[in-house]
């Protein structure tokens, strides 16, 4: 990829800087830790799960119909998602919003939709189960911070792609610039002589010059 600007056009900061990505990495590992505890209880590796604020609220939520409706462990799926999010935070340099569009797109798809669905399910917990989970609330708060930080990179890549596409289609050409056209044939290259036409219609161009001179002489004498 050709070298380019560190910041997107008209942006005051770099969305791929380490200052932006460090919170995503830290929150991703924190979500991995809490999801790992819930997955261990859900899969039967531990017998109980202590909740500092809601007593047995986390256990009730993990054993609820919403949680058991998934074909796989939803906490285990969260472990996988948080791991990928944290590891992808290390990928690329500070210009990855421009040089790694595939990674930015996948990262945005992994964080934004999945986090939104998880937050919605956490909000539904007191409605359907009647209690809260301290671990779920902590991970939901982490997701609320990760979504705007990830959305910045996706927006930067989208605006850069749109600007590059407009420039490639010619919308970035300054007004008043003449559009290149076909080169005109120079005057010096045009033929300067015309073909000799026969005086009478139907006469062959190959008639001898003597016959033409005789005809012209008789016509001038009669006139």
Protein backbone atom coordinates (compact mmCIF):
# COMPACT_ATOMS: atom_id res chain seq x y z
CA UNK A 1 0.00 0.00 0.00
CA UNK A 2 1.28 3.45 -0.90
CA UNK A 3 2.24 5.75 1.96
CA UNK A 4 -0.49 8.14 2.96
CA UNK A 5 -1.69 10.43 5.72
CA UNK A 6 -1.76 9.27 9.32
CA UNK A 7 -5.18 10.84 9.88
CA UNK A 8 -8.30 10.67 7.70
CA UNK A 9 -9.09 13.84 5.73
CA UNK A 10 -10.77 16.54 7.87
CA UNK A 11 -10.26 14.47 11.05
CA UNK A 12 -8.51 15.95 14.08
CA UNK A 13 -7.29 12.59 15.44
CA UNK A 14 -6.25 9.16 14.26
CA UNK A 15 -8.90 6.46 15.00
CA UNK A 16 -6.26 3.72 14.71
CA UNK A 17 -3.81 5.23 17.18
CA UNK A 18 -2.77 3.20 20.19
CA UNK A 19 -4.50 5.71 22.40
CA UNK A 20 -7.77 4.67 20.76
CA UNK A 21 -7.03 0.96 20.61
CA UNK A 22 -5.63 0.40 24.11
CA UNK A 23 -9.07 0.71 25.82
CA UNK A 24 -10.53 -1.78 23.33
CA UNK A 25 -7.78 -4.30 24.09
CA UNK A 26 -8.07 -3.84 27.87
CA UNK A 27 -11.87 -4.10 27.85
CA UNK A 28 -11.70 -7.12 25.56
CA UNK A 29 -9.50 -9.03 28.02
CA UNK A 30 -11.72 -7.95 30.90
CA UNK A 31 -14.79 -9.26 29.09
CA UNK A 32 -12.89 -12.49 28.35
CA UNK A 33 -12.20 -12.98 32.08
CA UNK A 34 -15.81 -12.50 33.20
CA UNK A 35 -17.26 -14.51 30.31
CA UNK A 36 -14.84 -17.32 31.12
CA UNK A 37 -16.18 -17.52 34.67
CA UNK A 38 -19.78 -17.67 33.46
CA UNK A 39 -18.93 -20.25 30.80
CA UNK A 40 -17.19 -22.44 33.39
CA UNK A 41 -20.33 -22.47 35.54
CA UNK A 42 -22.65 -22.94 32.57
CA UNK A 43 -20.66 -25.90 31.27
CA UNK A 44 -20.40 -27.54 34.69
CA UNK A 45 -16.72 -26.99 35.46
CA UNK A 46 -17.59 -25.15 38.70
CA UNK A 47 -20.56 -25.75 41.00
CA UNK A 48 -21.38 -22.18 41.99
CA UNK A 49 -20.70 -18.64 40.86
CA UNK A 50 -20.42 -15.85 43.40
CA UNK A 51 -22.12 -12.54 42.60
CA UNK A 52 -20.98 -9.58 44.75
CA UNK A 53 -24.21 -7.56 44.39
CA UNK A 54 -27.11 -9.81 43.38
CA UNK A 55 -26.52 -12.99 45.35
CA UNK A 56 -27.45 -15.90 43.09
CA UNK A 57 -28.59 -13.60 40.29
CA UNK A 58 -25.86 -14.68 37.87
CA UNK A 59 -26.65 -18.35 38.43
CA UNK A 60 -30.37 -17.76 37.89
CA UNK A 61 -29.70 -15.94 34.62
CA UNK A 62 -27.35 -18.63 33.32
CA UNK A 63 -29.98 -21.29 34.10
CA UNK A 64 -32.88 -19.27 32.67
CA UNK A 65 -34.88 -20.19 29.58
CA UNK A 66 -33.25 -17.36 27.58
CA UNK A 67 -29.77 -18.70 28.24
CA UNK A 68 -30.74 -22.35 27.67
CA UNK A 69 -32.48 -21.49 24.40
CA UNK A 70 -29.09 -21.16 22.67
CA UNK A 71 -27.78 -24.36 21.04
CA UNK A 72 -24.35 -23.63 22.51
CA UNK A 73 -23.16 -21.91 25.67
CA UNK A 74 -23.81 -18.19 25.22
CA UNK A 75 -21.11 -17.40 27.78
CA UNK A 76 -18.68 -19.61 25.85
CA UNK A 77 -19.58 -17.72 22.67
CA UNK A 78 -18.81 -14.52 24.54
CA UNK A 79 -15.38 -15.89 25.49
CA UNK A 80 -14.60 -16.53 21.83
CA UNK A 81 -15.85 -13.09 20.73
CA UNK A 82 -13.93 -11.20 23.42
CA UNK A 83 -10.74 -13.11 22.59
CA UNK A 84 -10.97 -12.23 18.90
CA UNK A 85 -11.72 -8.58 19.73
CA UNK A 86 -8.71 -8.29 22.04
CA UNK A 87 -6.33 -10.01 19.61
CA UNK A 88 -7.49 -7.93 16.64
CA UNK A 89 -6.76 -4.82 18.64
CA UNK A 90 -3.05 -5.64 18.30
CA UNK A 91 -3.18 -6.08 14.52
CA UNK A 92 -1.82 -3.49 12.12
CA UNK A 93 -0.19 -0.13 12.61
CA UNK A 94 -1.59 3.30 13.28
CA UNK A 95 -2.69 3.59 9.64
CA UNK A 96 -4.72 0.39 9.50
CA UNK A 97 -7.92 2.39 8.88
CA UNK A 98 -6.43 2.95 5.42
CA UNK A 99 -4.17 -0.05 4.80
CA UNK A 100 -6.27 -2.90 6.28
CA UNK A 101 -9.91 -2.33 5.24
CA UNK A 102 -10.80 -6.03 5.50
CA UNK A 103 -9.65 -6.13 9.11
CA UNK A 104 -11.46 -2.90 10.04
CA UNK A 105 -14.66 -4.18 8.45
CA UNK A 106 -14.53 -7.54 10.23
CA UNK A 107 -13.60 -5.87 13.51
CA UNK A 108 -16.55 -3.50 13.23
CA UNK A 109 -18.90 -6.37 12.37
CA UNK A 110 -17.63 -8.36 15.34
CA UNK A 111 -17.91 -5.55 17.89
CA UNK A 112 -20.87 -3.37 16.88
CA UNK A 113 -23.71 -5.85 16.03
CA UNK A 114 -22.74 -8.51 18.58
CA UNK A 115 -22.31 -5.94 21.32
CA UNK A 116 -25.67 -4.37 20.52
CA UNK A 117 -27.42 -7.75 20.71
CA UNK A 118 -25.66 -8.59 23.98
CA UNK A 119 -26.67 -5.27 25.54
CA UNK A 120 -30.28 -5.86 24.49
CA UNK A 121 -30.28 -9.32 26.09
CA UNK A 122 -28.78 -7.91 29.28
CA UNK A 123 -31.52 -5.26 29.42
CA UNK A 124 -34.13 -8.01 29.08
CA UNK A 125 -32.75 -9.97 32.06
CA UNK A 126 -34.79 -8.23 34.81
CA UNK A 127 -37.91 -8.44 32.63
CA UNK A 128 -37.71 -12.15 31.86
CA UNK A 129 -35.74 -13.48 34.84
CA UNK A 130 -36.38 -10.84 37.48
CA UNK A 131 -32.79 -10.26 38.54
CA UNK A 132 -29.47 -8.84 37.38
CA UNK A 133 -25.96 -10.19 36.97
CA UNK A 134 -22.93 -8.21 38.10
CA UNK A 135 -20.71 -9.86 35.50
CA UNK A 136 -23.19 -9.15 32.70
CA UNK A 137 -23.50 -5.49 33.73
CA UNK A 138 -19.72 -5.06 33.74
CA UNK A 139 -19.40 -6.58 30.27
CA UNK A 140 -22.28 -4.42 29.01
CA UNK A 141 -20.50 -1.29 30.27
CA UNK A 142 -17.35 -2.44 28.48
CA UNK A 143 -19.29 -2.91 25.25
CA UNK A 144 -20.74 0.60 25.48
CA UNK A 145 -17.20 1.97 25.49
CA UNK A 146 -15.94 -0.35 22.74
CA UNK A 147 -18.70 0.42 20.23
CA UNK A 148 -17.88 4.13 19.59
CA UNK A 149 -14.13 3.45 19.53
CA UNK A 150 -14.62 0.76 16.90
CA UNK A 151 -17.14 2.82 14.97
CA UNK A 152 -14.50 5.53 14.51
CA UNK A 153 -12.26 3.23 12.49
CA UNK A 154 -15.15 1.99 10.35
CA UNK A 155 -16.26 5.58 9.66
CA UNK A 156 -12.70 6.63 8.79
CA UNK A 157 -12.29 3.76 6.32
CA UNK A 158 -15.71 4.45 4.77
CA UNK A 159 -15.04 8.17 4.29
CA UNK A 160 -11.60 7.45 2.83
CA UNK A 161 -13.03 4.88 0.40
CA UNK A 162 -15.78 7.26 -0.72
CA UNK A 163 -13.26 10.07 -1.28
CA UNK A 164 -10.97 7.77 -3.28
CA UNK A 165 -13.89 6.53 -5.38
CA UNK A 166 -15.07 10.07 -6.13
CA UNK A 167 -11.55 11.09 -7.15
CA UNK A 168 -11.20 8.05 -9.41
CA UNK A 169 -14.50 8.87 -11.16
CA UNK A 170 -13.34 12.41 -11.87
CA UNK A 171 -15.45 14.28 -9.35
CA UNK A 172 -12.29 15.68 -7.84
CA UNK A 173 -11.19 17.42 -11.10
CA UNK A 174 -11.09 21.21 -10.60
CA UNK A 175 -13.72 23.21 -12.42
CA UNK A 176 -12.58 24.81 -15.65
CA UNK A 177 -10.24 22.00 -16.61
CA UNK A 178 -10.80 21.03 -20.21
CA UNK A 179 -11.72 17.46 -20.88
CA UNK A 180 -9.19 15.84 -23.21
CA UNK A 181 -10.61 15.15 -26.67
CA UNK A 182 -9.39 13.70 -29.90
CA UNK A 183 -6.42 15.47 -31.36
CA UNK A 184 -7.31 17.61 -34.37
CA UNK A 185 -5.59 16.90 -37.66
CA UNK A 186 -2.93 19.58 -38.24
CA UNK A 187 -3.46 21.87 -41.21
CA UNK A 188 -0.12 20.96 -42.71
CA UNK A 189 -1.20 17.33 -42.91
CA UNK A 190 -4.33 18.10 -44.94
CA UNK A 191 -4.20 17.63 -48.75
CA UNK A 192 -3.64 20.94 -50.60
CA UNK A 193 -4.58 19.77 -54.11
CA UNK A 194 -7.91 18.66 -55.38
CA UNK A 195 -8.42 15.89 -57.87
CA UNK A 196 -9.00 17.02 -61.47
CA UNK A 197 -12.64 16.67 -62.43
CA UNK A 198 -13.76 15.90 -65.93
CA UNK A 199 -15.53 18.83 -67.69
CA UNK A 200 -18.47 16.67 -68.71
CA UNK A 201 -20.47 14.39 -66.58
CA UNK A 202 -19.81 10.80 -67.44
CA UNK A 203 -16.39 11.40 -69.04
CA UNK A 204 -13.75 9.10 -67.81
CA UNK A 205 -10.94 10.69 -65.78
CA UNK A 206 -8.45 8.89 -67.99
CA UNK A 207 -9.20 10.92 -71.15
CA UNK A 208 -6.15 12.32 -72.91
CA UNK A 209 -5.13 15.94 -72.39
CA UNK A 210 -5.13 16.65 -76.15
CA UNK A 211 -8.83 15.90 -76.54
CA UNK A 212 -9.66 18.17 -73.59
CA UNK A 213 -7.59 21.03 -75.06
CA UNK A 214 -9.34 20.64 -78.43
CA UNK A 215 -12.76 20.74 -76.85
CA UNK A 216 -11.89 23.86 -74.88
CA UNK A 217 -10.46 25.56 -77.99
CA UNK A 218 -13.63 24.89 -80.05
CA UNK A 219 -15.85 26.16 -77.24
CA UNK A 220 -13.93 29.42 -76.94
CA UNK A 221 -14.03 29.93 -80.73
CA UNK A 222 -17.79 29.47 -80.89
CA UNK A 223 -18.33 31.81 -77.98
